[in-house]
């Protein structure tokens, strides 16, 4: 069975933020990729969000 649309969407977001490339096809491949990279993806997104917030707040002073 091919990766689901939801998995594909998350994989694309992970690839956008991390220097990784998904090369699998199946739901199992997608699940393994997401499980491996999701913690780092979440950390990077949090850092980016925090940096963006900090940049916006500087303009308020």
PDB file of N, CA and C in Angstrom:
ATOM      1  N   UNK A   1       0.842  -1.183   0.000  1.00  0.00           N
ATOM      2  CA  UNK A   1       0.000   0.000   0.000  1.00  0.00           C
ATOM      3  C   UNK A   1       0.886   1.244   0.000  1.00  0.00           C
ATOM      4  N   UNK A   2       0.528   2.208  -0.801  1.00  0.00           N
ATOM      5  CA  UNK A   2       1.282   3.461  -0.926  1.00  0.00           C
ATOM      6  C   UNK A   2       1.082   4.329   0.314  1.00  0.00           C
ATOM      7  N   UNK A   3       2.016   5.237   0.536  1.00  0.00           N
ATOM      8  CA  UNK A   3       1.900   6.179   1.646  1.00  0.00           C
ATOM      9  C   UNK A   3       0.609   6.981   1.491  1.00  0.00           C
ATOM     10  N   UNK A   4       0.000   7.315   2.615  1.00  0.00           N
ATOM     11  CA  UNK A   4      -1.253   8.072   2.583  1.00  0.00           C
ATOM     12  C   UNK A   4      -0.983   9.537   2.238  1.00  0.00           C
ATOM     13  N   UNK A   5      -2.022  10.250   1.849  1.00  0.00           N
ATOM     14  CA  UNK A   5      -1.878  11.671   1.544  1.00  0.00           C
ATOM     15  C   UNK A   5      -1.410  12.447   2.769  1.00  0.00           C
ATOM     16  N   UNK A   6      -1.908  12.071   3.929  1.00  0.00           N
ATOM     17  CA  UNK A   6      -1.505  12.740   5.173  1.00  0.00           C
ATOM     18  C   UNK A   6      -0.008  12.521   5.431  1.00  0.00           C
ATOM     19  N   UNK A   7       0.454  11.283   5.230  1.00  0.00           N
ATOM     20  CA  UNK A   7       1.883  10.995   5.405  1.00  0.00           C
ATOM     21  C   UNK A   7       2.715  11.780   4.394  1.00  0.00           C
ATOM     22  N   UNK A   8       2.265  11.806   3.153  1.00  0.00           N
ATOM     23  CA  UNK A   8       3.005  12.519   2.101  1.00  0.00           C
ATOM     24  C   UNK A   8       3.122  14.004   2.423  1.00  0.00           C
ATOM     25  N   UNK A   9       2.054  14.594   2.941  1.00  0.00           N
ATOM     26  CA  UNK A   9       2.080  16.011   3.291  1.00  0.00           C
ATOM     27  C   UNK A   9       3.091  16.283   4.412  1.00  0.00           C
ATOM     28  N   UNK A  10       3.099  15.433   5.426  1.00  0.00           N
ATOM     29  CA  UNK A  10       4.050  15.599   6.529  1.00  0.00           C
ATOM     30  C   UNK A  10       5.477  15.376   6.049  1.00  0.00           C
ATOM     31  N   UNK A  11       5.683  14.391   5.205  1.00  0.00           N
ATOM     32  CA  UNK A  11       7.020  14.124   4.656  1.00  0.00           C
ATOM     33  C   UNK A  11       7.528  15.337   3.881  1.00  0.00           C
ATOM     34  N   UNK A  12       6.675  15.967   3.106  1.00  0.00           N
ATOM     35  CA  UNK A  12       7.085  17.168   2.362  1.00  0.00           C
ATOM     36  C   UNK A  12       7.504  18.284   3.304  1.00  0.00           C
ATOM     37  N   UNK A  13       6.759  18.443   4.403  1.00  0.00           N
ATOM     38  CA  UNK A  13       7.130  19.476   5.380  1.00  0.00           C
ATOM     39  C   UNK A  13       8.463  19.132   6.043  1.00  0.00           C
ATOM     40  N   UNK A  14       8.676  17.871   6.375  1.00  0.00           N
ATOM     41  CA  UNK A  14       9.949  17.447   6.973  1.00  0.00           C
ATOM     42  C   UNK A  14      11.088  17.715   6.009  1.00  0.00           C
ATOM     43  N   UNK A  15      10.907  17.366   4.742  1.00  0.00           N
ATOM     44  CA  UNK A  15      11.954  17.593   3.729  1.00  0.00           C
ATOM     45  C   UNK A  15      12.254  19.079   3.544  1.00  0.00           C
ATOM     46  N   UNK A  16      11.256  19.924   3.742  1.00  0.00           N
ATOM     47  CA  UNK A  16      11.440  21.365   3.590  1.00  0.00           C
ATOM     48  C   UNK A  16      12.342  21.928   4.690  1.00  0.00           C
ATOM     49  N   UNK A  17      12.251  21.377   5.890  1.00  0.00           N
ATOM     50  CA  UNK A  17      13.000  21.911   7.027  1.00  0.00           C
ATOM     51  C   UNK A  17      14.288  21.169   7.353  1.00  0.00           C
ATOM     52  N   UNK A  18      14.390  19.919   6.945  1.00  0.00           N
ATOM     53  CA  UNK A  18      15.573  19.122   7.269  1.00  0.00           C
ATOM     54  C   UNK A  18      16.299  18.701   5.986  1.00  0.00           C
ATOM     55  N   UNK A  19      17.597  18.489   6.076  1.00  0.00           N
ATOM     56  CA  UNK A  19      18.351  18.046   4.893  1.00  0.00           C
ATOM     57  C   UNK A  19      18.209  16.537   4.674  1.00  0.00           C
ATOM     58  N   UNK A  20      16.987  16.096   4.475  1.00  0.00           N
ATOM     59  CA  UNK A  20      16.706  14.673   4.257  1.00  0.00           C
ATOM     60  C   UNK A  20      15.804  14.528   3.041  1.00  0.00           C
ATOM     61  N   UNK A  21      15.836  13.365   2.432  1.00  0.00           N
ATOM     62  CA  UNK A  21      15.013  13.083   1.262  1.00  0.00           C
ATOM     63  C   UNK A  21      14.339  11.737   1.451  1.00  0.00           C
ATOM     64  N   UNK A  22      13.033  11.720   1.301  1.00  0.00           N
ATOM     65  CA  UNK A  22      12.263  10.478   1.413  1.00  0.00           C
ATOM     66  C   UNK A  22      12.369   9.713   0.110  1.00  0.00           C
ATOM     67  N   UNK A  23      12.716   8.440   0.215  1.00  0.00           N
ATOM     68  CA  UNK A  23      12.865   7.615  -0.975  1.00  0.00           C
ATOM     69  C   UNK A  23      12.036   6.340  -0.900  1.00  0.00           C
ATOM     70  N   UNK A  24      11.106   6.277   0.045  1.00  0.00           N
ATOM     71  CA  UNK A  24      10.274   5.098   0.196  1.00  0.00           C
ATOM     72  C   UNK A  24       9.012   5.192  -0.636  1.00  0.00           C
ATOM     73  N   UNK A  25       8.171   4.184  -0.506  1.00  0.00           N
ATOM     74  CA  UNK A  25       6.913   4.149  -1.243  1.00  0.00           C
ATOM     75  C   UNK A  25       5.725   3.749  -0.374  1.00  0.00           C
ATOM     76  N   UNK A  26       5.943   2.828   0.510  1.00  0.00           N
ATOM     77  CA  UNK A  26       4.836   2.218   1.236  1.00  0.00           C
ATOM     78  C   UNK A  26       4.460   3.003   2.498  1.00  0.00           C
ATOM     79  N   UNK A  27       3.315   2.649   3.052  1.00  0.00           N
ATOM     80  CA  UNK A  27       2.875   3.212   4.319  1.00  0.00           C
ATOM     81  C   UNK A  27       3.927   2.913   5.390  1.00  0.00           C
ATOM     82  N   UNK A  28       4.469   1.713   5.355  1.00  0.00           N
ATOM     83  CA  UNK A  28       5.486   1.316   6.334  1.00  0.00           C
ATOM     84  C   UNK A  28       6.753   2.167   6.185  1.00  0.00           C
ATOM     85  N   UNK A  29       7.194   2.401   4.943  1.00  0.00           N
ATOM     86  CA  UNK A  29       8.363   3.253   4.693  1.00  0.00           C
ATOM     87  C   UNK A  29       8.108   4.664   5.211  1.00  0.00           C
ATOM     88  N   UNK A  30       6.931   5.193   4.893  1.00  0.00           N
ATOM     89  CA  UNK A  30       6.575   6.549   5.308  1.00  0.00           C
ATOM     90  C   UNK A  30       6.543   6.649   6.828  1.00  0.00           C
ATOM     91  N   UNK A  31       5.956   5.668   7.469  1.00  0.00           N
ATOM     92  CA  UNK A  31       5.873   5.654   8.922  1.00  0.00           C
ATOM     93  C   UNK A  31       7.258   5.635   9.553  1.00  0.00           C
ATOM     94  N   UNK A  32       8.146   4.831   9.017  1.00  0.00           N
ATOM     95  CA  UNK A  32       9.512   4.751   9.539  1.00  0.00           C
ATOM     96  C   UNK A  32      10.245   6.082   9.361  1.00  0.00           C
ATOM     97  N   UNK A  33      10.092   6.703   8.190  1.00  0.00           N
ATOM     98  CA  UNK A  33      10.722   7.992   7.913  1.00  0.00           C
ATOM     99  C   UNK A  33      10.214   9.056   8.886  1.00  0.00           C
ATOM    100  N   UNK A  34       8.912   9.117   9.051  1.00  0.00           N
ATOM    101  CA  UNK A  34       8.303  10.110   9.948  1.00  0.00           C
ATOM    102  C   UNK A  34       8.754   9.880  11.383  1.00  0.00           C
ATOM    103  N   UNK A  35       8.730   8.646  11.832  1.00  0.00           N
ATOM    104  CA  UNK A  35       9.157   8.325  13.197  1.00  0.00           C
ATOM    105  C   UNK A  35      10.605   8.736  13.430  1.00  0.00           C
ATOM    106  N   UNK A  36      11.440   8.516  12.446  1.00  0.00           N
ATOM    107  CA  UNK A  36      12.869   8.842  12.570  1.00  0.00           C
ATOM    108  C   UNK A  36      13.102  10.356  12.619  1.00  0.00           C
ATOM    109  N   UNK A  37      12.386  11.112  11.791  1.00  0.00           N
ATOM    110  CA  UNK A  37      12.703  12.534  11.624  1.00  0.00           C
ATOM    111  C   UNK A  37      11.769  13.504  12.339  1.00  0.00           C
ATOM    112  N   UNK A  38      10.651  13.040  12.843  1.00  0.00           N
ATOM    113  CA  UNK A  38       9.674  13.936  13.458  1.00  0.00           C
ATOM    114  C   UNK A  38      10.216  14.704  14.673  1.00  0.00           C
ATOM    115  N   UNK A  39      10.958  14.086  15.572  1.00  0.00           N
ATOM    116  CA  UNK A  39      11.465  14.863  16.715  1.00  0.00           C
ATOM    117  C   UNK A  39      12.352  16.048  16.291  1.00  0.00           C
ATOM    118  N   UNK A  40      13.256  15.816  15.350  1.00  0.00           N
ATOM    119  CA  UNK A  40      14.125  16.901  14.883  1.00  0.00           C
ATOM    120  C   UNK A  40      13.316  17.951  14.124  1.00  0.00           C
ATOM    121  N   UNK A  41      12.356  17.512  13.325  1.00  0.00           N
ATOM    122  CA  UNK A  41      11.485  18.442  12.596  1.00  0.00           C
ATOM    123  C   UNK A  41      10.756  19.359  13.574  1.00  0.00           C
ATOM    124  N   UNK A  42      10.186  18.787  14.611  1.00  0.00           N
ATOM    125  CA  UNK A  42       9.452  19.593  15.602  1.00  0.00           C
ATOM    126  C   UNK A  42      10.371  20.600  16.279  1.00  0.00           C
ATOM    127  N   UNK A  43      11.592  20.178  16.580  1.00  0.00           N
ATOM    128  CA  UNK A  43      12.552  21.072  17.219  1.00  0.00           C
ATOM    129  C   UNK A  43      12.895  22.243  16.294  1.00  0.00           C
ATOM    130  N   UNK A  44      13.151  21.958  15.038  1.00  0.00           N
ATOM    131  CA  UNK A  44      13.497  23.008  14.073  1.00  0.00           C
ATOM    132  C   UNK A  44      12.327  23.967  13.880  1.00  0.00           C
ATOM    133  N   UNK A  45      11.131  23.436  13.766  1.00  0.00           N
ATOM    134  CA  UNK A  45       9.948  24.288  13.597  1.00  0.00           C
ATOM    135  C   UNK A  45       9.771  25.186  14.820  1.00  0.00           C
ATOM    136  N   UNK A  46       9.990  24.645  16.002  1.00  0.00           N
ATOM    137  CA  UNK A  46       9.869  25.445  17.224  1.00  0.00           C
ATOM    138  C   UNK A  46      10.906  26.562  17.241  1.00  0.00           C
ATOM    139  N   UNK A  47      12.124  26.254  16.856  1.00  0.00           N
ATOM    140  CA  UNK A  47      13.191  27.269  16.815  1.00  0.00           C
ATOM    141  C   UNK A  47      12.850  28.351  15.797  1.00  0.00           C
ATOM    142  N   UNK A  48      12.390  27.951  14.633  1.00  0.00           N
ATOM    143  CA  UNK A  48      12.013  28.919  13.598  1.00  0.00           C
ATOM    144  C   UNK A  48      10.855  29.792  14.055  1.00  0.00           C
ATOM    145  N   UNK A  49       9.869  29.191  14.686  1.00  0.00           N
ATOM    146  CA  UNK A  49       8.719  29.947  15.176  1.00  0.00           C
ATOM    147  C   UNK A  49       9.144  30.940  16.250  1.00  0.00           C
ATOM    148  N   UNK A  50      10.024  30.506  17.125  1.00  0.00           N
ATOM    149  CA  UNK A  50      10.512  31.379  18.188  1.00  0.00           C
ATOM    150  C   UNK A  50      11.313  32.539  17.604  1.00  0.00           C
ATOM    151  N   UNK A  51      12.153  32.256  16.625  1.00  0.00           N
ATOM    152  CA  UNK A  51      12.953  33.306  15.993  1.00  0.00           C
ATOM    153  C   UNK A  51      12.048  34.302  15.273  1.00  0.00           C
ATOM    154  N   UNK A  52      11.019  33.797  14.616  1.00  0.00           N
ATOM    155  CA  UNK A  52      10.089  34.677  13.921  1.00  0.00           C
ATOM    156  C   UNK A  52       9.342  35.564  14.924  1.00  0.00           C
ATOM    157  N   UNK A  53       8.909  34.978  16.011  1.00  0.00           N
ATOM    158  CA  UNK A  53       8.212  35.741  17.058  1.00  0.00           C
ATOM    159  C   UNK A  53       9.129  36.821  17.614  1.00  0.00           C
ATOM    160  N   UNK A  54      10.386  36.443  17.897  1.00  0.00           N
ATOM    161  CA  UNK A  54      11.340  37.409  18.437  1.00  0.00           C
ATOM    162  C   UNK A  54      11.568  38.559  17.450  1.00  0.00           C
ATOM    163  N   UNK A  55      11.670  38.245  16.171  1.00  0.00           N
ATOM    164  CA  UNK A  55      11.876  39.276  15.144  1.00  0.00           C
ATOM    165  C   UNK A  55      10.675  40.209  15.079  1.00  0.00           C
ATOM    166  N   UNK A  56       9.484  39.667  15.191  1.00  0.00           N
ATOM    167  CA  UNK A  56       8.283  40.509  15.148  1.00  0.00           C
ATOM    168  C   UNK A  56       8.185  41.389  16.380  1.00  0.00           C
ATOM    169  N   UNK A  57       8.569  40.862  17.532  1.00  0.00           N
ATOM    170  CA  UNK A  57       8.471  41.623  18.777  1.00  0.00           C
ATOM    171  C   UNK A  57       9.468  42.781  18.804  1.00  0.00           C
ATOM    172  N   UNK A  58      10.601  42.637  18.168  1.00  0.00           N
ATOM    173  CA  UNK A  58      11.586  43.716  18.125  1.00  0.00           C
ATOM    174  C   UNK A  58      10.974  44.944  17.452  1.00  0.00           C
ATOM    175  N   UNK A  59      10.124  44.731  16.471  1.00  0.00           N
ATOM    176  CA  UNK A  59       9.493  45.841  15.785  1.00  0.00           C
ATOM    177  C   UNK A  59       8.467  46.574  16.625  1.00  0.00           C
ATOM    178  N   UNK A  60       8.003  45.958  17.709  1.00  0.00           N
ATOM    179  CA  UNK A  60       6.990  46.579  18.563  1.00  0.00           C
ATOM    180  C   UNK A  60       7.582  47.580  19.560  1.00  0.00           C
ATOM    181  N   UNK A  61       8.875  47.628  19.717  1.00  0.00           N
ATOM    182  CA  UNK A  61       9.476  48.492  20.728  1.00  0.00           C
ATOM    183  C   UNK A  61      10.002  49.771  20.144  1.00  0.00           C
TER     184      UNK A  61
END
